[in-house]
N, C-alpha and C. Protein backbone atom coordinates (compact mmCIF):
# COMPACT_ATOMS: atom_id res chain seq x y z
N GLN A 1 0.84 -1.19 0.00
CA GLN A 1 0.00 0.00 0.00
C GLN A 1 0.88 1.25 0.00
N VAL A 2 0.27 2.38 -0.30
CA VAL A 2 1.01 3.64 -0.34
C VAL A 2 1.41 4.04 1.07
N GLN A 3 2.70 4.36 1.20
CA GLN A 3 3.21 4.87 2.48
C GLN A 3 4.10 6.07 2.24
N LEU A 4 3.93 7.08 3.07
CA LEU A 4 4.78 8.27 3.05
C LEU A 4 5.27 8.50 4.47
N VAL A 5 6.58 8.57 4.64
CA VAL A 5 7.15 8.72 5.98
C VAL A 5 8.08 9.92 6.00
N GLU A 6 7.67 10.96 6.75
CA GLU A 6 8.48 12.17 6.85
C GLU A 6 9.47 12.07 8.01
N SER A 7 10.55 12.82 7.87
CA SER A 7 11.54 12.92 8.94
C SER A 7 12.31 14.22 8.77
N GLY A 8 13.03 14.60 9.82
CA GLY A 8 13.91 15.76 9.72
C GLY A 8 13.44 17.01 10.44
N GLY A 9 12.25 16.97 11.01
CA GLY A 9 11.77 18.15 11.72
C GLY A 9 12.52 18.36 13.03
N GLY A 10 12.22 19.48 13.68
CA GLY A 10 12.86 19.76 14.96
C GLY A 10 12.73 21.21 15.34
N LEU A 11 13.49 21.59 16.35
CA LEU A 11 13.52 22.96 16.85
C LEU A 11 14.74 23.66 16.27
N VAL A 12 14.53 24.85 15.72
CA VAL A 12 15.63 25.60 15.11
C VAL A 12 15.43 27.08 15.42
N GLN A 13 16.52 27.80 15.53
CA GLN A 13 16.44 29.24 15.78
C GLN A 13 16.10 29.99 14.50
N PRO A 14 15.50 31.16 14.63
CA PRO A 14 15.24 31.97 13.43
C PRO A 14 16.53 32.20 12.64
N GLY A 15 16.39 32.08 11.32
CA GLY A 15 17.55 32.20 10.44
C GLY A 15 18.24 30.88 10.16
N GLY A 16 17.86 29.84 10.89
CA GLY A 16 18.49 28.54 10.72
C GLY A 16 17.91 27.74 9.56
N SER A 17 18.40 26.51 9.44
CA SER A 17 18.01 25.65 8.33
C SER A 17 17.62 24.27 8.84
N LEU A 18 16.75 23.63 8.08
CA LEU A 18 16.39 22.23 8.30
C LEU A 18 16.16 21.59 6.94
N ARG A 19 16.36 20.28 6.90
CA ARG A 19 16.07 19.52 5.68
C ARG A 19 15.11 18.40 6.03
N LEU A 20 13.93 18.46 5.43
CA LEU A 20 12.93 17.42 5.63
C LEU A 20 13.07 16.38 4.53
N SER A 21 12.77 15.14 4.89
CA SER A 21 12.76 14.04 3.93
C SER A 21 11.41 13.33 3.99
N CYS A 22 11.02 12.78 2.87
CA CYS A 22 9.80 11.97 2.81
C CYS A 22 10.10 10.74 1.97
N ALA A 23 10.11 9.58 2.62
CA ALA A 23 10.36 8.32 1.92
C ALA A 23 9.03 7.72 1.50
N ALA A 24 8.91 7.42 0.22
CA ALA A 24 7.66 6.93 -0.35
C ALA A 24 7.80 5.46 -0.76
N SER A 25 6.68 4.75 -0.69
CA SER A 25 6.65 3.36 -1.14
C SER A 25 5.24 2.99 -1.55
N GLY A 26 5.13 1.92 -2.32
CA GLY A 26 3.81 1.41 -2.69
C GLY A 26 3.26 1.94 -4.00
N PHE A 27 4.03 2.78 -4.70
CA PHE A 27 3.59 3.28 -6.00
C PHE A 27 4.83 3.66 -6.82
N THR A 28 4.60 3.93 -8.11
CA THR A 28 5.71 4.30 -9.00
C THR A 28 6.06 5.76 -8.77
N PHE A 29 6.98 5.96 -7.87
CA PHE A 29 7.29 7.30 -7.36
C PHE A 29 7.59 8.29 -8.48
N SER A 30 8.38 7.89 -9.45
CA SER A 30 8.83 8.82 -10.48
C SER A 30 7.71 9.32 -11.39
N SER A 31 6.56 8.68 -11.33
CA SER A 31 5.46 9.05 -12.22
C SER A 31 4.53 10.10 -11.66
N TYR A 32 4.75 10.48 -10.41
CA TYR A 32 3.79 11.36 -9.74
C TYR A 32 4.46 12.60 -9.16
N ALA A 33 3.69 13.70 -9.20
CA ALA A 33 4.12 14.89 -8.49
C ALA A 33 4.11 14.62 -6.99
N MET A 34 5.07 15.21 -6.31
CA MET A 34 5.14 15.12 -4.86
C MET A 34 5.06 16.52 -4.27
N LYS A 35 4.37 16.64 -3.16
CA LYS A 35 4.12 17.96 -2.59
C LYS A 35 4.42 17.98 -1.09
N TRP A 36 4.77 19.16 -0.62
CA TRP A 36 4.89 19.42 0.81
C TRP A 36 3.81 20.43 1.20
N TYR A 37 3.07 20.11 2.24
CA TYR A 37 2.10 21.01 2.85
C TYR A 37 2.55 21.28 4.29
N ARG A 38 1.94 22.29 4.87
CA ARG A 38 2.15 22.54 6.29
C ARG A 38 0.86 23.03 6.93
N GLN A 39 0.76 22.79 8.22
CA GLN A 39 -0.42 23.24 8.97
C GLN A 39 0.03 23.78 10.31
N ALA A 40 -0.22 25.06 10.52
CA ALA A 40 0.08 25.71 11.79
C ALA A 40 -1.15 25.62 12.69
N PRO A 41 -0.96 25.72 14.01
CA PRO A 41 -2.11 25.63 14.93
C PRO A 41 -3.18 26.65 14.59
N GLY A 42 -4.42 26.18 14.47
CA GLY A 42 -5.53 27.07 14.21
C GLY A 42 -5.65 27.54 12.77
N LYS A 43 -4.81 27.00 11.90
CA LYS A 43 -4.84 27.42 10.49
C LYS A 43 -5.11 26.22 9.58
N GLU A 44 -5.52 26.53 8.36
CA GLU A 44 -5.75 25.47 7.39
C GLU A 44 -4.42 24.96 6.84
N ARG A 45 -4.46 23.72 6.36
CA ARG A 45 -3.28 23.16 5.72
C ARG A 45 -3.04 23.91 4.41
N GLU A 46 -1.78 24.26 4.17
CA GLU A 46 -1.45 25.02 2.97
C GLU A 46 -0.34 24.34 2.18
N LEU A 47 -0.42 24.48 0.86
CA LEU A 47 0.61 23.95 -0.02
C LEU A 47 1.86 24.81 0.06
N VAL A 48 2.99 24.18 0.27
CA VAL A 48 4.26 24.90 0.39
C VAL A 48 5.07 24.78 -0.89
N ALA A 49 5.21 23.56 -1.40
CA ALA A 49 6.05 23.33 -2.56
C ALA A 49 5.63 22.04 -3.25
N ALA A 50 5.91 21.97 -4.55
CA ALA A 50 5.59 20.78 -5.31
C ALA A 50 6.72 20.48 -6.28
N ALA A 51 7.00 19.20 -6.45
CA ALA A 51 7.98 18.74 -7.44
C ALA A 51 7.23 17.86 -8.43
N ILE A 52 7.18 18.31 -9.66
CA ILE A 52 6.48 17.55 -10.67
C ILE A 52 7.32 16.31 -10.98
N SER A 53 6.74 15.36 -11.69
CA SER A 53 7.45 14.12 -11.97
C SER A 53 8.76 14.40 -12.69
N SER A 54 9.57 13.40 -12.83
CA SER A 54 10.94 13.57 -13.29
C SER A 54 11.03 14.23 -14.66
N ALA A 55 10.04 14.07 -15.47
CA ALA A 55 10.07 14.70 -16.80
C ALA A 55 10.04 16.22 -16.66
N GLY A 56 11.13 16.86 -17.01
CA GLY A 56 11.17 18.32 -16.93
C GLY A 56 11.64 18.82 -15.58
N GLY A 57 11.31 18.14 -14.51
CA GLY A 57 11.78 18.53 -13.19
C GLY A 57 11.27 19.85 -12.70
N SER A 58 10.10 20.28 -13.13
CA SER A 58 9.61 21.59 -12.72
C SER A 58 9.13 21.57 -11.27
N THR A 59 9.19 22.74 -10.65
CA THR A 59 8.80 22.90 -9.26
C THR A 59 7.93 24.14 -9.11
N MET A 60 7.22 24.20 -7.98
CA MET A 60 6.47 25.40 -7.66
C MET A 60 6.55 25.64 -6.17
N TYR A 61 6.39 26.91 -5.75
CA TYR A 61 6.48 27.29 -4.35
C TYR A 61 5.41 28.31 -4.02
N SER A 62 4.97 28.28 -2.77
CA SER A 62 4.08 29.34 -2.31
C SER A 62 4.90 30.63 -2.18
N ASP A 63 4.22 31.74 -2.25
CA ASP A 63 4.92 33.02 -2.15
C ASP A 63 5.63 33.17 -0.81
N SER A 64 5.09 32.56 0.23
CA SER A 64 5.65 32.74 1.56
C SER A 64 7.00 32.05 1.74
N VAL A 65 7.33 31.10 0.88
CA VAL A 65 8.60 30.37 1.05
C VAL A 65 9.53 30.53 -0.15
N LYS A 66 9.05 31.15 -1.20
CA LYS A 66 9.84 31.28 -2.42
C LYS A 66 11.17 31.98 -2.12
N GLY A 67 12.25 31.41 -2.60
CA GLY A 67 13.57 31.97 -2.36
C GLY A 67 14.25 31.46 -1.10
N ARG A 68 13.48 30.80 -0.23
CA ARG A 68 14.04 30.27 1.03
C ARG A 68 14.01 28.74 1.07
N PHE A 69 12.98 28.14 0.49
CA PHE A 69 12.81 26.69 0.51
C PHE A 69 13.12 26.13 -0.88
N THR A 70 13.64 24.91 -0.89
CA THR A 70 13.91 24.21 -2.14
C THR A 70 13.41 22.77 -2.04
N ILE A 71 12.55 22.39 -2.97
CA ILE A 71 12.08 21.01 -3.04
C ILE A 71 12.90 20.27 -4.07
N SER A 72 13.23 19.03 -3.76
CA SER A 72 13.97 18.20 -4.71
C SER A 72 13.52 16.76 -4.52
N ARG A 73 13.84 15.94 -5.50
CA ARG A 73 13.46 14.54 -5.40
C ARG A 73 14.57 13.66 -5.93
N ASP A 74 14.70 12.48 -5.34
CA ASP A 74 15.63 11.46 -5.80
C ASP A 74 14.79 10.26 -6.18
N ASN A 75 14.54 10.10 -7.46
CA ASN A 75 13.66 9.02 -7.90
C ASN A 75 14.28 7.64 -7.67
N ALA A 76 15.60 7.57 -7.61
CA ALA A 76 16.26 6.28 -7.33
C ALA A 76 16.02 5.84 -5.90
N LYS A 77 15.83 6.82 -5.00
CA LYS A 77 15.60 6.51 -3.58
C LYS A 77 14.15 6.67 -3.18
N ASN A 78 13.28 7.01 -4.13
CA ASN A 78 11.86 7.22 -3.82
C ASN A 78 11.69 8.21 -2.66
N THR A 79 12.43 9.29 -2.73
CA THR A 79 12.43 10.25 -1.63
C THR A 79 12.32 11.67 -2.17
N VAL A 80 11.53 12.47 -1.48
CA VAL A 80 11.43 13.89 -1.79
C VAL A 80 11.92 14.66 -0.58
N TYR A 81 12.60 15.77 -0.84
CA TYR A 81 13.21 16.57 0.21
C TYR A 81 12.64 17.99 0.21
N LEU A 82 12.75 18.64 1.35
CA LEU A 82 12.44 20.06 1.43
C LEU A 82 13.56 20.71 2.23
N GLN A 83 14.42 21.43 1.54
CA GLN A 83 15.48 22.19 2.19
C GLN A 83 14.91 23.55 2.59
N MET A 84 14.97 23.85 3.87
CA MET A 84 14.38 25.09 4.39
C MET A 84 15.49 25.95 4.98
N ASN A 85 15.70 27.09 4.38
CA ASN A 85 16.72 28.03 4.85
C ASN A 85 16.07 29.32 5.32
N SER A 86 16.82 30.11 6.05
CA SER A 86 16.34 31.41 6.55
C SER A 86 14.98 31.26 7.22
N LEU A 87 14.87 30.29 8.09
CA LEU A 87 13.59 29.99 8.72
C LEU A 87 13.12 31.12 9.62
N LYS A 88 11.81 31.29 9.63
CA LYS A 88 11.17 32.34 10.40
C LYS A 88 10.20 31.71 11.40
N PRO A 89 9.88 32.41 12.47
CA PRO A 89 8.89 31.86 13.43
C PRO A 89 7.57 31.49 12.76
N GLU A 90 7.18 32.21 11.74
CA GLU A 90 5.92 31.90 11.06
C GLU A 90 5.98 30.63 10.21
N ASP A 91 7.16 30.04 10.08
CA ASP A 91 7.28 28.75 9.41
C ASP A 91 6.95 27.59 10.35
N THR A 92 6.75 27.89 11.62
CA THR A 92 6.40 26.85 12.59
C THR A 92 5.10 26.18 12.21
N ALA A 93 5.14 24.86 12.07
CA ALA A 93 3.98 24.09 11.63
C ALA A 93 4.33 22.61 11.62
N VAL A 94 3.32 21.80 11.43
CA VAL A 94 3.55 20.40 11.10
C VAL A 94 3.62 20.32 9.57
N TYR A 95 4.66 19.69 9.07
CA TYR A 95 4.88 19.58 7.64
C TYR A 95 4.52 18.17 7.17
N TYR A 96 3.74 18.12 6.10
CA TYR A 96 3.23 16.85 5.58
C TYR A 96 3.68 16.65 4.14
N CYS A 97 4.02 15.44 3.83
CA CYS A 97 4.30 15.01 2.47
C CYS A 97 3.00 14.52 1.85
N ASN A 98 2.82 14.77 0.56
CA ASN A 98 1.56 14.41 -0.11
C ASN A 98 1.83 13.85 -1.50
N ALA A 99 1.05 12.82 -1.84
CA ALA A 99 1.00 12.31 -3.21
C ALA A 99 -0.47 12.11 -3.56
N ARG A 100 -0.83 12.50 -4.75
CA ARG A 100 -2.21 12.32 -5.21
C ARG A 100 -2.20 11.29 -6.33
N LEU A 101 -2.79 10.14 -6.05
CA LEU A 101 -2.78 9.02 -6.98
C LEU A 101 -4.21 8.70 -7.39
N ARG A 102 -4.49 8.82 -8.66
CA ARG A 102 -5.80 8.44 -9.21
C ARG A 102 -6.93 9.06 -8.40
N GLY A 103 -6.78 10.33 -8.08
CA GLY A 103 -7.84 11.08 -7.43
C GLY A 103 -7.87 10.95 -5.91
N THR A 104 -6.97 10.19 -5.33
CA THR A 104 -6.93 10.01 -3.88
C THR A 104 -5.67 10.64 -3.31
N ASN A 105 -5.84 11.45 -2.27
CA ASN A 105 -4.71 12.07 -1.59
C ASN A 105 -4.16 11.13 -0.52
N TYR A 106 -2.86 10.99 -0.53
CA TYR A 106 -2.17 10.22 0.50
C TYR A 106 -1.25 11.17 1.27
N TRP A 107 -1.22 10.95 2.60
CA TRP A 107 -0.46 11.84 3.48
C TRP A 107 0.46 11.02 4.38
N GLY A 108 1.58 11.65 4.73
CA GLY A 108 2.41 11.08 5.76
C GLY A 108 1.87 11.47 7.13
N GLN A 109 2.60 11.07 8.17
CA GLN A 109 2.15 11.34 9.54
C GLN A 109 2.49 12.75 9.97
N GLY A 110 3.35 13.42 9.23
CA GLY A 110 3.75 14.78 9.55
C GLY A 110 4.99 14.84 10.42
N THR A 111 5.72 15.94 10.29
CA THR A 111 6.89 16.18 11.13
C THR A 111 6.84 17.62 11.61
N GLN A 112 7.06 17.81 12.90
CA GLN A 112 6.93 19.13 13.51
C GLN A 112 8.18 19.96 13.26
N VAL A 113 7.98 21.18 12.80
CA VAL A 113 9.05 22.16 12.67
C VAL A 113 8.71 23.35 13.56
N THR A 114 9.60 23.67 14.48
CA THR A 114 9.40 24.79 15.38
C THR A 114 10.57 25.75 15.24
N VAL A 115 10.24 27.00 14.91
CA VAL A 115 11.27 28.03 14.74
C VAL A 115 11.12 29.02 15.89
N SER A 116 12.07 29.00 16.78
CA SER A 116 11.97 29.83 17.98
C SER A 116 13.34 30.06 18.58
N SER A 117 13.50 31.21 19.19
CA SER A 117 14.75 31.50 19.89
C SER A 117 14.62 31.15 21.37
């Protein structure tokens, strides 16, 4: 079955960096777009970044993270990454990996990112 397992979250000071990973299994990873979402307390889940399938390698970012976050994927390892630099307190949230397969959304368990001094 489809599984998405995130890792790499933690506590970091403002201006710091973290790298999130999402290991995928149960589907042909290279054929699907992979996305990172986040959800802060009391707020709706929002799309942060997306990596389209290996063809072309195009990516997209929300305005709030553009220039600071970088999404990448390693199709040989079935893993998608989110490199987060220049972190701000407002980046504090649970970060989720997402794959949408044949109309169904699949989510990981989430990883907490806390940006605080």
